[in-house]
Amino acid sequence: MQKQDGCQEGMLEHEAWIMNLTEANIGPSDPKWFKLYDGRETFGLNSLSAQEMSDLVDRFIVDEELFQIYYRNYVKQGDPKMERGCDAECKRGKLCSMVTSDFGNQTKCNEISRKMKLRN
């Protein structure tokens, strides 16, 4: 669920809600939905502004634990994806997709690759 500021065209909130599909298919009752995460709360953001999100991507580059929290939420804590994990190339791809709207322009992706190489 996203709440946007209509005047400034900025996102104010982002929450992800999910259900356990296996559990829903087993039981006769309605599925139980639960909040997977709240973007601002989970990542310690003051807002969801473009600058805050850019800073968050930089934090993901240097803070592997924080990135893994993102990845768990990205795959909605799905066991098969969690078991497979997300190696450096996977991480680069996820971060690249966050900062790129035109995949013909790899400037930001190249910047992420450079920053990741400096970390290793």
N, C-alpha and C. Protein backbone atom coordinates (compact mmCIF):
# COMPACT_ATOMS: atom_id res chain seq x y z
N MET A 1 0.85 -1.16 0.00
CA MET A 1 0.00 0.00 0.00
C MET A 1 0.90 1.23 0.00
N GLN A 2 0.56 2.20 -0.81
CA GLN A 2 1.34 3.43 -0.89
C GLN A 2 0.42 4.62 -0.69
N LYS A 3 0.91 5.59 0.04
CA LYS A 3 0.18 6.84 0.20
C LYS A 3 1.05 7.92 -0.42
N GLN A 4 0.44 8.68 -1.35
CA GLN A 4 1.20 9.71 -2.05
C GLN A 4 0.66 11.09 -1.73
N ASP A 5 1.55 12.05 -1.80
CA ASP A 5 1.20 13.45 -1.63
C ASP A 5 0.82 13.99 -3.00
N GLY A 6 -0.45 14.25 -3.21
CA GLY A 6 -0.93 14.69 -4.51
C GLY A 6 -0.37 16.02 -4.96
N CYS A 7 -0.03 16.89 -4.03
CA CYS A 7 0.49 18.21 -4.38
C CYS A 7 1.94 18.14 -4.85
N GLN A 8 2.76 17.40 -4.12
CA GLN A 8 4.18 17.36 -4.44
C GLN A 8 4.57 16.12 -5.23
N GLU A 9 3.62 15.27 -5.49
CA GLU A 9 3.85 14.04 -6.24
C GLU A 9 4.93 13.17 -5.61
N GLY A 10 5.03 13.21 -4.29
CA GLY A 10 5.99 12.38 -3.58
C GLY A 10 5.28 11.30 -2.80
N MET A 11 5.97 10.20 -2.58
CA MET A 11 5.40 9.12 -1.81
C MET A 11 5.60 9.40 -0.32
N LEU A 12 4.56 9.25 0.46
CA LEU A 12 4.62 9.50 1.89
C LEU A 12 4.85 8.22 2.68
N GLU A 13 4.23 7.14 2.24
CA GLU A 13 4.33 5.87 2.96
C GLU A 13 4.38 4.72 1.96
N HIS A 14 5.00 3.63 2.40
CA HIS A 14 4.99 2.40 1.61
C HIS A 14 4.95 1.23 2.58
N GLU A 15 3.92 0.43 2.48
CA GLU A 15 3.78 -0.79 3.28
C GLU A 15 3.56 -1.96 2.35
N ALA A 16 4.07 -3.11 2.74
CA ALA A 16 3.82 -4.34 1.98
C ALA A 16 3.06 -5.30 2.88
N TRP A 17 1.97 -5.82 2.37
CA TRP A 17 1.13 -6.79 3.08
C TRP A 17 1.13 -8.09 2.29
N ILE A 18 1.20 -9.21 3.01
CA ILE A 18 1.21 -10.51 2.35
C ILE A 18 0.37 -11.50 3.14
N MET A 19 0.19 -12.66 2.54
CA MET A 19 -0.45 -13.78 3.24
C MET A 19 0.39 -15.02 2.95
N ASN A 20 0.24 -16.02 3.80
CA ASN A 20 0.92 -17.29 3.59
C ASN A 20 0.03 -18.12 2.67
N LEU A 21 0.45 -18.28 1.42
CA LEU A 21 -0.38 -18.96 0.42
C LEU A 21 -0.59 -20.43 0.77
N THR A 22 0.43 -21.09 1.29
CA THR A 22 0.28 -22.50 1.69
C THR A 22 -0.79 -22.63 2.76
N GLU A 23 -0.72 -21.77 3.76
CA GLU A 23 -1.71 -21.79 4.84
C GLU A 23 -3.11 -21.48 4.30
N ALA A 24 -3.20 -20.53 3.39
CA ALA A 24 -4.50 -20.15 2.82
C ALA A 24 -5.11 -21.29 2.03
N ASN A 25 -4.28 -22.07 1.34
CA ASN A 25 -4.79 -23.19 0.54
C ASN A 25 -5.21 -24.38 1.39
N ILE A 26 -4.66 -24.50 2.59
CA ILE A 26 -4.98 -25.63 3.46
C ILE A 26 -6.29 -25.40 4.20
N GLY A 27 -6.46 -24.21 4.74
CA GLY A 27 -7.60 -23.95 5.61
C GLY A 27 -8.83 -23.48 4.87
N PRO A 28 -10.00 -23.70 5.46
CA PRO A 28 -11.25 -23.27 4.84
C PRO A 28 -11.56 -21.78 5.08
N SER A 29 -10.87 -21.18 6.04
CA SER A 29 -11.18 -19.78 6.37
C SER A 29 -10.45 -18.82 5.43
N ASP A 30 -10.85 -17.58 5.50
CA ASP A 30 -10.21 -16.54 4.68
C ASP A 30 -8.72 -16.45 5.04
N PRO A 31 -7.90 -16.09 4.07
CA PRO A 31 -6.46 -15.96 4.36
C PRO A 31 -6.20 -14.85 5.37
N LYS A 32 -5.14 -15.03 6.13
CA LYS A 32 -4.75 -14.03 7.12
C LYS A 32 -3.65 -13.16 6.52
N TRP A 33 -3.98 -11.92 6.28
CA TRP A 33 -3.02 -10.97 5.74
C TRP A 33 -2.24 -10.35 6.90
N PHE A 34 -0.97 -10.09 6.67
CA PHE A 34 -0.17 -9.41 7.69
C PHE A 34 0.82 -8.47 7.02
N LYS A 35 1.17 -7.43 7.78
CA LYS A 35 2.10 -6.44 7.24
C LYS A 35 3.50 -7.03 7.25
N LEU A 36 4.10 -7.10 6.08
CA LEU A 36 5.47 -7.59 5.95
C LEU A 36 6.44 -6.52 6.44
N TYR A 37 6.25 -5.30 5.98
CA TYR A 37 7.12 -4.22 6.44
C TYR A 37 6.53 -2.86 6.10
N ASP A 38 7.03 -1.87 6.79
CA ASP A 38 6.75 -0.47 6.53
C ASP A 38 8.09 0.13 6.09
N GLY A 39 8.13 0.71 4.91
CA GLY A 39 9.38 1.18 4.34
C GLY A 39 10.15 2.16 5.22
N ARG A 40 9.49 3.17 5.72
CA ARG A 40 10.18 4.17 6.54
C ARG A 40 10.66 3.56 7.85
N GLU A 41 9.80 2.80 8.49
CA GLU A 41 10.14 2.21 9.78
C GLU A 41 11.27 1.18 9.66
N THR A 42 11.14 0.27 8.71
CA THR A 42 12.11 -0.81 8.56
C THR A 42 13.51 -0.30 8.27
N PHE A 43 13.61 0.74 7.44
CA PHE A 43 14.92 1.21 7.01
C PHE A 43 15.34 2.52 7.67
N GLY A 44 14.58 2.95 8.69
CA GLY A 44 14.95 4.14 9.46
C GLY A 44 14.98 5.42 8.63
N LEU A 45 13.97 5.60 7.81
CA LEU A 45 13.92 6.77 6.93
C LEU A 45 13.02 7.85 7.51
N ASN A 46 13.41 9.10 7.32
CA ASN A 46 12.55 10.22 7.73
C ASN A 46 11.43 10.44 6.73
N SER A 47 11.71 10.12 5.47
CA SER A 47 10.72 10.29 4.42
C SER A 47 11.05 9.29 3.31
N LEU A 48 10.24 9.30 2.28
CA LEU A 48 10.51 8.47 1.11
C LEU A 48 10.88 9.35 -0.09
N SER A 49 11.54 10.45 0.21
CA SER A 49 11.97 11.37 -0.85
C SER A 49 13.03 10.71 -1.72
N ALA A 50 13.23 11.28 -2.88
CA ALA A 50 14.24 10.74 -3.80
C ALA A 50 15.62 10.73 -3.15
N GLN A 51 15.96 11.78 -2.40
CA GLN A 51 17.27 11.84 -1.75
C GLN A 51 17.41 10.77 -0.68
N GLU A 52 16.37 10.57 0.14
CA GLU A 52 16.40 9.53 1.17
C GLU A 52 16.57 8.15 0.54
N MET A 53 15.87 7.92 -0.57
CA MET A 53 15.98 6.63 -1.24
C MET A 53 17.36 6.44 -1.85
N SER A 54 17.93 7.49 -2.40
CA SER A 54 19.29 7.42 -2.94
C SER A 54 20.29 7.10 -1.83
N ASP A 55 20.12 7.76 -0.69
CA ASP A 55 20.98 7.50 0.46
C ASP A 55 20.82 6.06 0.95
N LEU A 56 19.58 5.55 0.89
CA LEU A 56 19.33 4.17 1.31
C LEU A 56 20.07 3.19 0.41
N VAL A 57 20.07 3.42 -0.88
CA VAL A 57 20.81 2.55 -1.80
C VAL A 57 22.29 2.56 -1.43
N ASP A 58 22.83 3.73 -1.11
CA ASP A 58 24.24 3.80 -0.68
C ASP A 58 24.46 3.01 0.61
N ARG A 59 23.50 3.07 1.51
CA ARG A 59 23.61 2.27 2.75
C ARG A 59 23.56 0.79 2.44
N PHE A 60 22.71 0.38 1.49
CA PHE A 60 22.64 -1.03 1.10
C PHE A 60 23.99 -1.52 0.58
N ILE A 61 24.72 -0.66 -0.11
CA ILE A 61 26.01 -1.05 -0.66
C ILE A 61 26.99 -1.42 0.45
N VAL A 62 27.00 -0.65 1.53
CA VAL A 62 28.00 -0.85 2.59
C VAL A 62 27.50 -1.70 3.75
N ASP A 63 26.20 -1.82 3.92
CA ASP A 63 25.63 -2.54 5.07
C ASP A 63 24.92 -3.80 4.57
N GLU A 64 25.65 -4.91 4.59
CA GLU A 64 25.10 -6.16 4.05
C GLU A 64 23.88 -6.64 4.83
N GLU A 65 23.89 -6.46 6.13
CA GLU A 65 22.75 -6.88 6.95
C GLU A 65 21.49 -6.10 6.56
N LEU A 66 21.64 -4.82 6.36
CA LEU A 66 20.50 -3.99 5.94
C LEU A 66 20.01 -4.42 4.56
N PHE A 67 20.94 -4.70 3.65
CA PHE A 67 20.53 -5.16 2.32
C PHE A 67 19.77 -6.48 2.42
N GLN A 68 20.22 -7.39 3.29
CA GLN A 68 19.55 -8.68 3.42
C GLN A 68 18.13 -8.51 3.97
N ILE A 69 17.91 -7.52 4.81
CA ILE A 69 16.54 -7.21 5.27
C ILE A 69 15.70 -6.81 4.07
N TYR A 70 16.26 -5.94 3.23
CA TYR A 70 15.56 -5.55 2.00
C TYR A 70 15.26 -6.78 1.15
N TYR A 71 16.27 -7.63 0.95
CA TYR A 71 16.09 -8.79 0.07
C TYR A 71 15.02 -9.74 0.62
N ARG A 72 15.03 -9.99 1.92
CA ARG A 72 13.99 -10.86 2.52
C ARG A 72 12.61 -10.30 2.23
N ASN A 73 12.47 -8.99 2.36
CA ASN A 73 11.18 -8.37 2.07
C ASN A 73 10.87 -8.38 0.58
N TYR A 74 11.89 -8.20 -0.24
CA TYR A 74 11.71 -8.22 -1.70
C TYR A 74 11.15 -9.56 -2.17
N VAL A 75 11.67 -10.65 -1.62
CA VAL A 75 11.19 -11.99 -2.01
C VAL A 75 10.04 -12.45 -1.12
N LYS A 76 9.54 -11.53 -0.33
CA LYS A 76 8.40 -11.77 0.56
C LYS A 76 8.64 -12.97 1.46
N GLN A 77 9.89 -13.10 1.91
CA GLN A 77 10.33 -14.15 2.82
C GLN A 77 10.04 -15.54 2.27
N GLY A 78 10.00 -15.66 0.96
CA GLY A 78 9.75 -16.95 0.31
C GLY A 78 10.93 -17.90 0.48
N ASP A 79 10.65 -19.08 0.99
CA ASP A 79 11.71 -20.04 1.30
C ASP A 79 12.64 -20.35 0.13
N PRO A 80 12.14 -20.67 -1.06
CA PRO A 80 13.07 -21.02 -2.15
C PRO A 80 14.07 -19.90 -2.46
N LYS A 81 13.59 -18.67 -2.51
CA LYS A 81 14.48 -17.53 -2.81
C LYS A 81 15.42 -17.26 -1.65
N MET A 82 14.94 -17.43 -0.43
CA MET A 82 15.78 -17.20 0.74
C MET A 82 16.92 -18.23 0.78
N GLU A 83 16.60 -19.47 0.44
CA GLU A 83 17.62 -20.52 0.43
C GLU A 83 18.69 -20.22 -0.61
N ARG A 84 18.27 -19.75 -1.77
CA ARG A 84 19.20 -19.42 -2.85
C ARG A 84 20.07 -18.22 -2.49
N GLY A 85 19.48 -17.27 -1.77
CA GLY A 85 20.21 -16.09 -1.37
C GLY A 85 20.41 -15.11 -2.52
N CYS A 86 21.18 -14.08 -2.23
CA CYS A 86 21.43 -13.02 -3.21
C CYS A 86 22.91 -12.68 -3.15
N ASP A 87 23.67 -13.16 -4.13
CA ASP A 87 25.11 -12.91 -4.17
C ASP A 87 25.38 -11.49 -4.68
N ALA A 88 26.66 -11.17 -4.87
CA ALA A 88 27.04 -9.81 -5.27
C ALA A 88 26.41 -9.38 -6.59
N GLU A 89 26.34 -10.29 -7.55
CA GLU A 89 25.75 -9.94 -8.85
C GLU A 89 24.24 -9.71 -8.71
N CYS A 90 23.59 -10.54 -7.91
CA CYS A 90 22.16 -10.36 -7.62
C CYS A 90 21.94 -9.01 -6.93
N LYS A 91 22.78 -8.72 -5.94
CA LYS A 91 22.67 -7.46 -5.20
C LYS A 91 22.83 -6.28 -6.15
N ARG A 92 23.82 -6.34 -7.02
CA ARG A 92 24.04 -5.27 -7.99
C ARG A 92 22.80 -5.07 -8.85
N GLY A 93 22.20 -6.18 -9.30
CA GLY A 93 20.99 -6.10 -10.12
C GLY A 93 19.82 -5.47 -9.39
N LYS A 94 19.63 -5.86 -8.14
CA LYS A 94 18.52 -5.29 -7.35
C LYS A 94 18.73 -3.79 -7.14
N LEU A 95 19.97 -3.42 -6.77
CA LEU A 95 20.25 -2.00 -6.54
C LEU A 95 20.14 -1.20 -7.83
N CYS A 96 20.61 -1.78 -8.91
CA CYS A 96 20.52 -1.13 -10.21
C CYS A 96 19.07 -0.86 -10.59
N SER A 97 18.21 -1.82 -10.35
CA SER A 97 16.80 -1.63 -10.71
C SER A 97 16.13 -0.55 -9.86
N MET A 98 16.67 -0.31 -8.66
CA MET A 98 16.12 0.75 -7.80
C MET A 98 16.43 2.14 -8.33
N VAL A 99 17.57 2.29 -8.99
CA VAL A 99 18.03 3.63 -9.37
C VAL A 99 17.91 3.92 -10.86
N THR A 100 17.41 2.96 -11.63
CA THR A 100 17.37 3.12 -13.07
C THR A 100 15.94 3.03 -13.59
N SER A 101 15.53 4.05 -14.33
CA SER A 101 14.23 3.97 -14.98
C SER A 101 14.39 3.75 -16.48
N ASP A 102 15.56 4.07 -16.99
CA ASP A 102 15.88 3.87 -18.41
C ASP A 102 17.04 2.88 -18.47
N PHE A 103 16.73 1.63 -18.78
CA PHE A 103 17.77 0.60 -18.76
C PHE A 103 18.77 0.74 -19.90
N GLY A 104 18.54 1.69 -20.80
CA GLY A 104 19.54 2.01 -21.81
C GLY A 104 20.63 2.91 -21.26
N ASN A 105 20.35 3.54 -20.13
CA ASN A 105 21.32 4.42 -19.47
C ASN A 105 21.84 3.70 -18.23
N GLN A 106 23.05 3.21 -18.29
CA GLN A 106 23.64 2.43 -17.20
C GLN A 106 24.53 3.26 -16.27
N THR A 107 24.43 4.58 -16.33
CA THR A 107 25.29 5.45 -15.52
C THR A 107 25.21 5.12 -14.04
N LYS A 108 24.00 5.06 -13.50
CA LYS A 108 23.82 4.77 -12.07
C LYS A 108 24.25 3.35 -11.73
N CYS A 109 23.97 2.42 -12.63
CA CYS A 109 24.38 1.02 -12.40
C CYS A 109 25.90 0.92 -12.34
N ASN A 110 26.57 1.62 -13.24
CA ASN A 110 28.03 1.61 -13.24
C ASN A 110 28.59 2.22 -11.96
N GLU A 111 27.91 3.25 -11.47
CA GLU A 111 28.32 3.88 -10.21
C GLU A 111 28.18 2.89 -9.05
N ILE A 112 27.08 2.15 -9.03
CA ILE A 112 26.88 1.13 -7.99
C ILE A 112 27.97 0.06 -8.09
N SER A 113 28.25 -0.40 -9.29
CA SER A 113 29.31 -1.41 -9.47
C SER A 113 30.64 -0.90 -8.95
N ARG A 114 30.96 0.34 -9.25
CA ARG A 114 32.22 0.93 -8.79
C ARG A 114 32.27 0.98 -7.26
N LYS A 115 31.18 1.42 -6.64
CA LYS A 115 31.14 1.50 -5.18
C LYS A 115 31.24 0.12 -4.55
N MET A 116 30.60 -0.88 -5.17
CA MET A 116 30.67 -2.24 -4.63
C MET A 116 32.08 -2.79 -4.74
N LYS A 117 32.77 -2.51 -5.83
CA LYS A 117 34.15 -2.98 -6.01
C LYS A 117 35.08 -2.33 -4.99
N LEU A 118 34.85 -1.08 -4.67
CA LEU A 118 35.66 -0.39 -3.67
C LEU A 118 35.51 -1.03 -2.29
N ARG A 119 34.35 -1.61 -2.05
CA ARG A 119 34.08 -2.27 -0.76
C ARG A 119 34.83 -3.59 -0.63
N ASN A 120 35.15 -4.23 -1.73
CA ASN A 120 35.78 -5.56 -1.68
C ASN A 120 37.26 -5.49 -1.73
